[in-house]
């Protein structure tokens, strides 16, 4: 699945509140708003972002669980666009998204 760019969805906004080595990512759309914490990570990672677990997703974000992956991909790509000077990629599990600089290594 290709990454989504916020430019294709002008009604969506991601903003940041920075507090030294950590902060908050604010997601806003016409349907919902929610916040996620982040902190700078140990290389090769750049940042770790705390994301709502699937079992809490709908309550925390007011969006349906089937939308979770698309929203997280959009957030991950926008963080790369906003905060990295060059290539980057992200990986996420149930609780955390990790953003890396550089090209994503082949997993084959």
PDB file of N, CA and C in Angstrom:
ATOM      1  N   UNK A   1       0.842  -1.177   0.000  1.00  0.00           N
ATOM      2  CA  UNK A   1       0.000   0.000   0.000  1.00  0.00           C
ATOM      3  C   UNK A   1       0.885   1.236   0.000  1.00  0.00           C
ATOM      4  N   UNK A   2       0.639   2.185  -0.897  1.00  0.00           N
ATOM      5  CA  UNK A   2       1.469   3.381  -0.936  1.00  0.00           C
ATOM      6  C   UNK A   2       1.183   4.282   0.257  1.00  0.00           C
ATOM      7  N   UNK A   3       2.189   5.079   0.604  1.00  0.00           N
ATOM      8  CA  UNK A   3       2.014   6.024   1.694  1.00  0.00           C
ATOM      9  C   UNK A   3       1.097   7.151   1.246  1.00  0.00           C
ATOM     10  N   UNK A   4       0.389   7.715   2.181  1.00  0.00           N
ATOM     11  CA  UNK A   4      -0.539   8.790   1.899  1.00  0.00           C
ATOM     12  C   UNK A   4       0.108  10.118   2.249  1.00  0.00           C
ATOM     13  N   UNK A   5      -0.118  11.122   1.420  1.00  0.00           N
ATOM     14  CA  UNK A   5       0.421  12.457   1.661  1.00  0.00           C
ATOM     15  C   UNK A   5      -0.715  13.371   2.097  1.00  0.00           C
ATOM     16  N   UNK A   6      -0.469  14.159   3.110  1.00  0.00           N
ATOM     17  CA  UNK A   6      -1.494  15.084   3.586  1.00  0.00           C
ATOM     18  C   UNK A   6      -1.920  16.071   2.524  1.00  0.00           C
ATOM     19  N   UNK A   7      -1.080  16.351   1.542  1.00  0.00           N
ATOM     20  CA  UNK A   7      -1.453  17.298   0.496  1.00  0.00           C
ATOM     21  C   UNK A   7      -2.683  16.827  -0.267  1.00  0.00           C
ATOM     22  N   UNK A   8      -2.913  15.510  -0.301  1.00  0.00           N
ATOM     23  CA  UNK A   8      -4.094  14.966  -0.968  1.00  0.00           C
ATOM     24  C   UNK A   8      -5.343  15.142  -0.110  1.00  0.00           C
ATOM     25  N   UNK A   9      -5.184  15.402   1.165  1.00  0.00           N
ATOM     26  CA  UNK A   9      -6.285  15.585   2.106  1.00  0.00           C
ATOM     27  C   UNK A   9      -6.097  16.921   2.832  1.00  0.00           C
ATOM     28  N   UNK A  10      -6.452  18.041   2.202  1.00  0.00           N
ATOM     29  CA  UNK A  10      -6.172  19.338   2.817  1.00  0.00           C
ATOM     30  C   UNK A  10      -6.912  19.570   4.126  1.00  0.00           C
ATOM     31  N   UNK A  11      -7.959  18.802   4.418  1.00  0.00           N
ATOM     32  CA  UNK A  11      -8.705  18.996   5.659  1.00  0.00           C
ATOM     33  C   UNK A  11      -8.037  18.302   6.850  1.00  0.00           C
ATOM     34  N   UNK A  12      -6.999  17.522   6.602  1.00  0.00           N
ATOM     35  CA  UNK A  12      -6.268  16.853   7.678  1.00  0.00           C
ATOM     36  C   UNK A  12      -5.075  17.700   8.088  1.00  0.00           C
ATOM     37  N   UNK A  13      -4.790  17.720   9.382  1.00  0.00           N
ATOM     38  CA  UNK A  13      -3.645  18.479   9.863  1.00  0.00           C
ATOM     39  C   UNK A  13      -2.898  17.685  10.913  1.00  0.00           C
ATOM     40  N   UNK A  14      -1.581  17.776  10.844  1.00  0.00           N
ATOM     41  CA  UNK A  14      -0.728  17.231  11.881  1.00  0.00           C
ATOM     42  C   UNK A  14       0.157  18.369  12.359  1.00  0.00           C
ATOM     43  N   UNK A  15       0.184  18.558  13.673  1.00  0.00           N
ATOM     44  CA  UNK A  15       1.039  19.584  14.254  1.00  0.00           C
ATOM     45  C   UNK A  15       1.790  18.972  15.428  1.00  0.00           C
ATOM     46  N   UNK A  16       2.752  19.725  15.925  1.00  0.00           N
ATOM     47  CA  UNK A  16       3.658  19.202  16.945  1.00  0.00           C
ATOM     48  C   UNK A  16       3.787  20.195  18.091  1.00  0.00           C
ATOM     49  N   UNK A  17       3.880  19.666  19.286  1.00  0.00           N
ATOM     50  CA  UNK A  17       4.278  20.428  20.453  1.00  0.00           C
ATOM     51  C   UNK A  17       5.565  19.790  20.923  1.00  0.00           C
ATOM     52  N   UNK A  18       6.661  20.546  20.897  1.00  0.00           N
ATOM     53  CA  UNK A  18       7.968  19.991  21.229  1.00  0.00           C
ATOM     54  C   UNK A  18       8.380  20.416  22.632  1.00  0.00           C
ATOM     55  N   UNK A  19       8.985  19.472  23.347  1.00  0.00           N
ATOM     56  CA  UNK A  19       9.444  19.724  24.712  1.00  0.00           C
ATOM     57  C   UNK A  19      10.788  19.029  24.896  1.00  0.00           C
ATOM     58  N   UNK A  20      11.825  19.612  24.276  1.00  0.00           N
ATOM     59  CA  UNK A  20      13.152  19.005  24.355  1.00  0.00           C
ATOM     60  C   UNK A  20      13.226  17.740  23.525  1.00  0.00           C
ATOM     61  N   UNK A  21      13.499  16.615  24.171  1.00  0.00           N
ATOM     62  CA  UNK A  21      13.666  15.335  23.486  1.00  0.00           C
ATOM     63  C   UNK A  21      12.358  14.565  23.332  1.00  0.00           C
ATOM     64  N   UNK A  22      11.245  15.195  23.657  1.00  0.00           N
ATOM     65  CA  UNK A  22       9.946  14.537  23.536  1.00  0.00           C
ATOM     66  C   UNK A  22       8.895  15.575  23.185  1.00  0.00           C
ATOM     67  N   UNK A  23       7.669  15.132  23.048  1.00  0.00           N
ATOM     68  CA  UNK A  23       6.599  16.062  22.733  1.00  0.00           C
ATOM     69  C   UNK A  23       5.324  15.340  22.375  1.00  0.00           C
ATOM     70  N   UNK A  24       4.458  16.048  21.668  1.00  0.00           N
ATOM     71  CA  UNK A  24       3.147  15.529  21.302  1.00  0.00           C
ATOM     72  C   UNK A  24       2.899  15.777  19.825  1.00  0.00           C
ATOM     73  N   UNK A  25       2.314  14.783  19.170  1.00  0.00           N
ATOM     74  CA  UNK A  25       1.851  14.921  17.795  1.00  0.00           C
ATOM     75  C   UNK A  25       0.340  15.063  17.868  1.00  0.00           C
ATOM     76  N   UNK A  26      -0.170  16.119  17.247  1.00  0.00           N
ATOM     77  CA  UNK A  26      -1.604  16.397  17.249  1.00  0.00           C
ATOM     78  C   UNK A  26      -2.164  16.081  15.864  1.00  0.00           C
ATOM     79  N   UNK A  27      -3.159  15.198  15.818  1.00  0.00           N
ATOM     80  CA  UNK A  27      -3.828  14.822  14.576  1.00  0.00           C
ATOM     81  C   UNK A  27      -5.211  15.466  14.582  1.00  0.00           C
ATOM     82  N   UNK A  28      -5.577  16.131  13.491  1.00  0.00           N
ATOM     83  CA  UNK A  28      -6.896  16.745  13.397  1.00  0.00           C
ATOM     84  C   UNK A  28      -7.472  16.521  12.004  1.00  0.00           C
ATOM     85  N   UNK A  29      -8.723  16.109  11.969  1.00  0.00           N
ATOM     86  CA  UNK A  29      -9.471  15.956  10.725  1.00  0.00           C
ATOM     87  C   UNK A  29     -10.887  16.445  11.010  1.00  0.00           C
ATOM     88  N   UNK A  30     -11.728  16.557   9.996  1.00  0.00           N
ATOM     89  CA  UNK A  30     -13.109  16.980  10.263  1.00  0.00           C
ATOM     90  C   UNK A  30     -13.847  16.009  11.201  1.00  0.00           C
ATOM     91  N   UNK A  31     -13.433  14.746  11.218  1.00  0.00           N
ATOM     92  CA  UNK A  31     -14.116  13.732  12.022  1.00  0.00           C
ATOM     93  C   UNK A  31     -13.622  13.657  13.461  1.00  0.00           C
ATOM     94  N   UNK A  32     -12.332  13.970  13.698  1.00  0.00           N
ATOM     95  CA  UNK A  32     -11.766  13.711  15.017  1.00  0.00           C
ATOM     96  C   UNK A  32     -10.493  14.503  15.258  1.00  0.00           C
ATOM     97  N   UNK A  33     -10.083  14.544  16.496  1.00  0.00           N
ATOM     98  CA  UNK A  33      -8.756  15.019  16.876  1.00  0.00           C
ATOM     99  C   UNK A  33      -8.239  14.090  17.968  1.00  0.00           C
ATOM    100  N   UNK A  34      -6.946  13.837  17.951  1.00  0.00           N
ATOM    101  CA  UNK A  34      -6.329  13.070  19.024  1.00  0.00           C
ATOM    102  C   UNK A  34      -4.840  13.368  19.055  1.00  0.00           C
ATOM    103  N   UNK A  35      -4.226  13.047  20.197  1.00  0.00           N
ATOM    104  CA  UNK A  35      -2.806  13.302  20.416  1.00  0.00           C
ATOM    105  C   UNK A  35      -2.060  12.004  20.664  1.00  0.00           C
ATOM    106  N   UNK A  36      -0.772  12.008  20.323  1.00  0.00           N
ATOM    107  CA  UNK A  36       0.124  10.887  20.589  1.00  0.00           C
ATOM    108  C   UNK A  36       1.448  11.450  21.095  1.00  0.00           C
ATOM    109  N   UNK A  37       2.062  10.802  22.056  1.00  0.00           N
ATOM    110  CA  UNK A  37       3.374  11.238  22.542  1.00  0.00           C
ATOM    111  C   UNK A  37       4.454  10.770  21.586  1.00  0.00           C
ATOM    112  N   UNK A  38       5.580  11.450  21.617  1.00  0.00           N
ATOM    113  CA  UNK A  38       6.762  10.963  20.905  1.00  0.00           C
ATOM    114  C   UNK A  38       7.984  11.294  21.736  1.00  0.00           C
ATOM    115  N   UNK A  39       9.042  10.543  21.472  1.00  0.00           N
ATOM    116  CA  UNK A  39      10.344  10.867  22.066  1.00  0.00           C
ATOM    117  C   UNK A  39      11.426  10.515  21.064  1.00  0.00           C
ATOM    118  N   UNK A  40      12.516  11.257  21.133  1.00  0.00           N
ATOM    119  CA  UNK A  40      13.646  10.954  20.260  1.00  0.00           C
ATOM    120  C   UNK A  40      14.187   9.585  20.639  1.00  0.00           C
ATOM    121  N   UNK A  41      14.692   8.867  19.647  1.00  0.00           N
ATOM    122  CA  UNK A  41      15.105   7.476  19.840  1.00  0.00           C
ATOM    123  C   UNK A  41      16.608   7.323  19.668  1.00  0.00           C
ATOM    124  N   UNK A  42      17.072   6.141  19.977  1.00  0.00           N
ATOM    125  CA  UNK A  42      18.475   5.775  19.815  1.00  0.00           C
ATOM    126  C   UNK A  42      18.690   5.349  18.361  1.00  0.00           C
ATOM    127  N   UNK A  43      19.742   5.867  17.680  1.00  0.00           N
ATOM    128  CA  UNK A  43      19.996   5.484  16.288  1.00  0.00           C
ATOM    129  C   UNK A  43      20.114   3.963  16.138  1.00  0.00           C
ATOM    130  N   UNK A  44      19.633   3.424  15.038  1.00  0.00           N
ATOM    131  CA  UNK A  44      19.304   4.106  13.789  1.00  0.00           C
ATOM    132  C   UNK A  44      17.911   4.729  13.765  1.00  0.00           C
ATOM    133  N   UNK A  45      17.113   4.554  14.794  1.00  0.00           N
ATOM    134  CA  UNK A  45      15.795   5.181  14.835  1.00  0.00           C
ATOM    135  C   UNK A  45      15.944   6.677  15.099  1.00  0.00           C
ATOM    136  N   UNK A  46      14.936   7.428  14.703  1.00  0.00           N
ATOM    137  CA  UNK A  46      14.911   8.866  14.932  1.00  0.00           C
ATOM    138  C   UNK A  46      13.933   9.204  16.055  1.00  0.00           C
ATOM    139  N   UNK A  47      12.756   8.566  16.024  1.00  0.00           N
ATOM    140  CA  UNK A  47      11.732   8.864  17.029  1.00  0.00           C
ATOM    141  C   UNK A  47      10.837   7.653  17.242  1.00  0.00           C
ATOM    142  N   UNK A  48      10.336   7.541  18.454  1.00  0.00           N
ATOM    143  CA  UNK A  48       9.308   6.563  18.796  1.00  0.00           C
ATOM    144  C   UNK A  48       8.037   7.338  19.094  1.00  0.00           C
ATOM    145  N   UNK A  49       6.918   6.863  18.543  1.00  0.00           N
ATOM    146  CA  UNK A  49       5.630   7.510  18.723  1.00  0.00           C
ATOM    147  C   UNK A  49       4.695   6.505  19.387  1.00  0.00           C
ATOM    148  N   UNK A  50       4.078   6.898  20.475  1.00  0.00           N
ATOM    149  CA  UNK A  50       3.101   6.040  21.139  1.00  0.00           C
ATOM    150  C   UNK A  50       1.772   6.132  20.418  1.00  0.00           C
ATOM    151  N   UNK A  51       1.271   4.997  19.930  1.00  0.00           N
ATOM    152  CA  UNK A  51       0.012   4.991  19.183  1.00  0.00           C
ATOM    153  C   UNK A  51      -1.039   4.200  19.966  1.00  0.00           C
ATOM    154  N   UNK A  52      -2.307   4.549  19.801  1.00  0.00           N
ATOM    155  CA  UNK A  52      -3.356   3.807  20.498  1.00  0.00           C
ATOM    156  C   UNK A  52      -3.401   2.347  20.043  1.00  0.00           C
ATOM    157  N   UNK A  53      -3.425   1.441  21.002  1.00  0.00           N
ATOM    158  CA  UNK A  53      -3.530   0.018  20.687  1.00  0.00           C
ATOM    159  C   UNK A  53      -4.862  -0.263  19.991  1.00  0.00           C
ATOM    160  N   UNK A  54      -4.926  -1.335  19.189  1.00  0.00           N
ATOM    161  CA  UNK A  54      -6.175  -1.652  18.498  1.00  0.00           C
ATOM    162  C   UNK A  54      -7.384  -1.720  19.439  1.00  0.00           C
ATOM    163  N   UNK A  55      -7.214  -2.281  20.620  1.00  0.00           N
ATOM    164  CA  UNK A  55      -8.371  -2.430  21.522  1.00  0.00           C
ATOM    165  C   UNK A  55      -8.862  -1.087  22.070  1.00  0.00           C
ATOM    166  N   UNK A  56      -8.014  -0.053  22.027  1.00  0.00           N
ATOM    167  CA  UNK A  56      -8.408   1.281  22.484  1.00  0.00           C
ATOM    168  C   UNK A  56      -8.593   2.275  21.336  1.00  0.00           C
ATOM    169  N   UNK A  57      -8.303   1.850  20.125  1.00  0.00           N
ATOM    170  CA  UNK A  57      -8.278   2.750  18.978  1.00  0.00           C
ATOM    171  C   UNK A  57      -9.570   3.563  18.838  1.00  0.00           C
ATOM    172  N   UNK A  58     -10.711   2.901  18.775  1.00  0.00           N
ATOM    173  CA  UNK A  58     -11.967   3.601  18.527  1.00  0.00           C
ATOM    174  C   UNK A  58     -12.307   4.579  19.646  1.00  0.00           C
ATOM    175  N   UNK A  59     -12.067   4.185  20.893  1.00  0.00           N
ATOM    176  CA  UNK A  59     -12.361   5.074  22.020  1.00  0.00           C
ATOM    177  C   UNK A  59     -11.436   6.292  22.036  1.00  0.00           C
ATOM    178  N   UNK A  60     -10.163   6.087  21.733  1.00  0.00           N
ATOM    179  CA  UNK A  60      -9.183   7.191  21.792  1.00  0.00           C
ATOM    180  C   UNK A  60      -9.242   8.114  20.586  1.00  0.00           C
ATOM    181  N   UNK A  61      -9.542   7.558  19.411  1.00  0.00           N
ATOM    182  CA  UNK A  61      -9.455   8.353  18.187  1.00  0.00           C
ATOM    183  C   UNK A  61     -10.813   8.730  17.590  1.00  0.00           C
ATOM    184  N   UNK A  62     -11.854   8.067  18.026  1.00  0.00           N
ATOM    185  CA  UNK A  62     -13.205   8.289  17.473  1.00  0.00           C
ATOM    186  C   UNK A  62     -13.255   7.963  15.981  1.00  0.00           C
ATOM    187  N   UNK A  63     -12.399   7.033  15.556  1.00  0.00           N
ATOM    188  CA  UNK A  63     -12.433   6.521  14.185  1.00  0.00           C
ATOM    189  C   UNK A  63     -12.527   4.999  14.262  1.00  0.00           C
ATOM    190  N   UNK A  64     -12.982   4.386  13.191  1.00  0.00           N
ATOM    191  CA  UNK A  64     -13.166   2.939  13.197  1.00  0.00           C
ATOM    192  C   UNK A  64     -11.823   2.209  13.108  1.00  0.00           C
ATOM    193  N   UNK A  65     -11.785   1.020  13.659  1.00  0.00           N
ATOM    194  CA  UNK A  65     -10.569   0.214  13.643  1.00  0.00           C
ATOM    195  C   UNK A  65     -10.079  -0.070  12.221  1.00  0.00           C
ATOM    196  N   UNK A  66     -10.967  -0.323  11.242  1.00  0.00           N
ATOM    197  CA  UNK A  66     -10.466  -0.525   9.877  1.00  0.00           C
ATOM    198  C   UNK A  66      -9.714   0.684   9.294  1.00  0.00           C
ATOM    199  N   UNK A  67      -9.908   1.876   9.850  1.00  0.00           N
ATOM    200  CA  UNK A  67      -9.191   3.066   9.373  1.00  0.00           C
ATOM    201  C   UNK A  67      -7.807   3.198  10.002  1.00  0.00           C
ATOM    202  N   UNK A  68      -7.514   2.408  11.015  1.00  0.00           N
ATOM    203  CA  UNK A  68      -6.296   2.569  11.816  1.00  0.00           C
ATOM    204  C   UNK A  68      -5.027   2.569  10.963  1.00  0.00           C
ATOM    205  N   UNK A  69      -4.856   1.547  10.142  1.00  0.00           N
ATOM    206  CA  UNK A  69      -3.619   1.434   9.367  1.00  0.00           C
ATOM    207  C   UNK A  69      -3.435   2.613   8.419  1.00  0.00           C
ATOM    208  N   UNK A  70      -4.495   3.028   7.738  1.00  0.00           N
ATOM    209  CA  UNK A  70      -4.379   4.151   6.805  1.00  0.00           C
ATOM    210  C   UNK A  70      -4.025   5.442   7.540  1.00  0.00           C
ATOM    211  N   UNK A  71      -4.622   5.670   8.692  1.00  0.00           N
ATOM    212  CA  UNK A  71      -4.324   6.876   9.466  1.00  0.00           C
ATOM    213  C   UNK A  71      -2.888   6.839   9.965  1.00  0.00           C
ATOM    214  N   UNK A  72      -2.438   5.694  10.456  1.00  0.00           N
ATOM    215  CA  UNK A  72      -1.062   5.586  10.934  1.00  0.00           C
ATOM    216  C   UNK A  72      -0.055   5.765   9.805  1.00  0.00           C
ATOM    217  N   UNK A  73      -0.359   5.249   8.635  1.00  0.00           N
ATOM    218  CA  UNK A  73       0.530   5.448   7.480  1.00  0.00           C
ATOM    219  C   UNK A  73       0.605   6.925   7.109  1.00  0.00           C
ATOM    220  N   UNK A  74      -0.520   7.591   7.140  1.00  0.00           N
ATOM    221  CA  UNK A  74      -0.552   9.018   6.840  1.00  0.00           C
ATOM    222  C   UNK A  74       0.287   9.785   7.854  1.00  0.00           C
ATOM    223  N   UNK A  75       0.122   9.489   9.129  1.00  0.00           N
ATOM    224  CA  UNK A  75       0.891  10.164  10.172  1.00  0.00           C
ATOM    225  C   UNK A  75       2.381   9.887   9.999  1.00  0.00           C
ATOM    226  N   UNK A  76       2.749   8.633   9.799  1.00  0.00           N
ATOM    227  CA  UNK A  76       4.156   8.276   9.631  1.00  0.00           C
ATOM    228  C   UNK A  76       4.803   9.008   8.479  1.00  0.00           C
ATOM    229  N   UNK A  77       4.119   9.056   7.343  1.00  0.00           N
ATOM    230  CA  UNK A  77       4.684   9.735   6.182  1.00  0.00           C
ATOM    231  C   UNK A  77       4.787  11.230   6.408  1.00  0.00           C
ATOM    232  N   UNK A  78       3.797  11.808   7.075  1.00  0.00           N
ATOM    233  CA  UNK A  78       3.851  13.247   7.301  1.00  0.00           C
ATOM    234  C   UNK A  78       4.955  13.616   8.285  1.00  0.00           C
ATOM    235  N   UNK A  79       5.191  12.789   9.298  1.00  0.00           N
ATOM    236  CA  UNK A  79       6.309  13.046  10.218  1.00  0.00           C
ATOM    237  C   UNK A  79       7.629  13.025   9.450  1.00  0.00           C
ATOM    238  N   UNK A  80       7.789  12.071   8.547  1.00  0.00           N
ATOM    239  CA  UNK A  80       8.995  12.014   7.716  1.00  0.00           C
ATOM    240  C   UNK A  80       9.119  13.285   6.878  1.00  0.00           C
ATOM    241  N   UNK A  81       8.024  13.684   6.222  1.00  0.00           N
ATOM    242  CA  UNK A  81       8.050  14.888   5.385  1.00  0.00           C
ATOM    243  C   UNK A  81       8.397  16.134   6.197  1.00  0.00           C
ATOM    244  N   UNK A  82       7.858  16.212   7.407  1.00  0.00           N
ATOM    245  CA  UNK A  82       8.031  17.413   8.231  1.00  0.00           C
ATOM    246  C   UNK A  82       9.369  17.460   8.959  1.00  0.00           C
ATOM    247  N   UNK A  83       9.882  16.319   9.393  1.00  0.00           N
ATOM    248  CA  UNK A  83      10.980  16.324  10.355  1.00  0.00           C
ATOM    249  C   UNK A  83      12.306  15.772   9.849  1.00  0.00           C
ATOM    250  N   UNK A  84      12.316  15.094   8.714  1.00  0.00           N
ATOM    251  CA  UNK A  84      13.573  14.534   8.212  1.00  0.00           C
ATOM    252  C   UNK A  84      14.028  15.280   6.971  1.00  0.00           C
ATOM    253  N   UNK A  85      15.308  15.447   6.842  1.00  0.00           N
ATOM    254  CA  UNK A  85      15.890  16.058   5.645  1.00  0.00           C
ATOM    255  C   UNK A  85      16.353  14.929   4.737  1.00  0.00           C
ATOM    256  N   UNK A  86      15.435  14.384   3.977  1.00  0.00           N
ATOM    257  CA  UNK A  86      15.770  13.272   3.092  1.00  0.00           C
ATOM    258  C   UNK A  86      14.858  12.087   3.313  1.00  0.00           C
ATOM    259  N   UNK A  87      15.361  10.921   2.919  1.00  0.00           N
ATOM    260  CA  UNK A  87      14.563   9.703   2.984  1.00  0.00           C
ATOM    261  C   UNK A  87      14.310   9.268   4.417  1.00  0.00           C
ATOM    262  N   UNK A  88      13.221   8.543   4.593  1.00  0.00           N
ATOM    263  CA  UNK A  88      12.895   7.967   5.875  1.00  0.00           C
ATOM    264  C   UNK A  88      11.830   6.900   5.692  1.00  0.00           C
ATOM    265  N   UNK A  89      11.626   6.139   6.717  1.00  0.00           N
ATOM    266  CA  UNK A  89      10.566   5.126   6.718  1.00  0.00           C
ATOM    267  C   UNK A  89      10.129   4.913   8.156  1.00  0.00           C
ATOM    268  N   UNK A  90       9.036   4.205   8.315  1.00  0.00           N
ATOM    269  CA  UNK A  90       8.489   3.958   9.640  1.00  0.00           C
ATOM    270  C   UNK A  90       7.997   2.518   9.719  1.00  0.00           C
ATOM    271  N   UNK A  91       7.987   2.004  10.906  1.00  0.00           N
ATOM    272  CA  UNK A  91       7.432   0.685  11.199  1.00  0.00           C
ATOM    273  C   UNK A  91       6.542   0.850  12.422  1.00  0.00           C
ATOM    274  N   UNK A  92       5.432   0.114  12.467  1.00  0.00           N
ATOM    275  CA  UNK A  92       4.603   0.201  13.655  1.00  0.00           C
ATOM    276  C   UNK A  92       4.066  -1.159  14.043  1.00  0.00           C
ATOM    277  N   UNK A  93       3.797  -1.283  15.348  1.00  0.00           N
ATOM    278  CA  UNK A  93       3.166  -2.475  15.892  1.00  0.00           C
ATOM    279  C   UNK A  93       1.906  -2.016  16.621  1.00  0.00           C
ATOM    280  N   UNK A  94       1.439  -2.764  17.591  1.00  0.00           N
ATOM    281  CA  UNK A  94       0.207  -2.398  18.277  1.00  0.00           C
ATOM    282  C   UNK A  94       0.325  -1.140  19.129  1.00  0.00           C
ATOM    283  N   UNK A  95       1.530  -0.829  19.630  1.00  0.00           N
ATOM    284  CA  UNK A  95       1.671   0.260  20.591  1.00  0.00           C
ATOM    285  C   UNK A  95       2.595   1.396  20.155  1.00  0.00           C
ATOM    286  N   UNK A  96       3.506   1.136  19.229  1.00  0.00           N
ATOM    287  CA  UNK A  96       4.544   2.114  18.918  1.00  0.00           C
ATOM    288  C   UNK A  96       4.814   2.181  17.421  1.00  0.00           C
ATOM    289  N   UNK A  97       5.034   3.398  16.943  1.00  0.00           N
ATOM    290  CA  UNK A  97       5.550   3.611  15.596  1.00  0.00           C
ATOM    291  C   UNK A  97       6.973   4.130  15.763  1.00  0.00           C
ATOM    292  N   UNK A  98       7.897   3.562  15.013  1.00  0.00           N
ATOM    293  CA  UNK A  98       9.279   4.024  15.051  1.00  0.00           C
ATOM    294  C   UNK A  98       9.624   4.599  13.690  1.00  0.00           C
ATOM    295  N   UNK A  99      10.187   5.804  13.688  1.00  0.00           N
ATOM    296  CA  UNK A  99      10.572   6.496  12.465  1.00  0.00           C
ATOM    297  C   UNK A  99      12.084   6.399  12.336  1.00  0.00           C
ATOM    298  N   UNK A 100      12.546   6.039  11.130  1.00  0.00           N
ATOM    299  CA  UNK A 100      13.968   5.881  10.831  1.00  0.00           C
ATOM    300  C   UNK A 100      14.349   6.816   9.696  1.00  0.00           C
ATOM    301  N   UNK A 101      15.597   7.274   9.676  1.00  0.00           N
ATOM    302  CA  UNK A 101      16.086   8.034   8.532  1.00  0.00           C
ATOM    303  C   UNK A 101      16.749   7.068   7.561  1.00  0.00           C
ATOM    304  N   UNK A 102      16.809   7.479   6.307  1.00  0.00           N
ATOM    305  CA  UNK A 102      17.412   6.643   5.268  1.00  0.00           C
ATOM    306  C   UNK A 102      16.385   5.815   4.538  1.00  0.00           C
ATOM    307  N   UNK A 103      16.879   4.967   3.657  1.00  0.00           N
ATOM    308  CA  UNK A 103      16.005   4.088   2.883  1.00  0.00           C
ATOM    309  C   UNK A 103      15.695   2.835   3.672  1.00  0.00           C
ATOM    310  N   UNK A 104      14.499   2.337   3.503  1.00  0.00           N
ATOM    311  CA  UNK A 104      14.075   1.116   4.205  1.00  0.00           C
ATOM    312  C   UNK A 104      14.872  -0.069   3.670  1.00  0.00           C
ATOM    313  N   UNK A 105      15.498  -0.840   4.576  1.00  0.00           N
ATOM    314  CA  UNK A 105      16.267  -2.007   4.120  1.00  0.00           C
ATOM    315  C   UNK A 105      15.331  -3.044   3.480  1.00  0.00           C
ATOM    316  N   UNK A 106      15.890  -3.780   2.524  1.00  0.00           N
ATOM    317  CA  UNK A 106      15.119  -4.875   1.931  1.00  0.00           C
ATOM    318  C   UNK A 106      14.843  -5.918   2.981  1.00  0.00           C
ATOM    319  N   UNK A 107      13.625  -6.423   3.013  1.00  0.00           N
ATOM    320  CA  UNK A 107      13.254  -7.439   3.992  1.00  0.00           C
ATOM    321  C   UNK A 107      13.182  -8.821   3.358  1.00  0.00           C
ATOM    322  N   UNK A 108      13.513  -8.905   2.074  1.00  0.00           N
ATOM    323  CA  UNK A 108      13.440 -10.197   1.387  1.00  0.00           C
ATOM    324  C   UNK A 108      14.622 -11.070   1.701  1.00  0.00           C
TER     325      UNK A 108
END
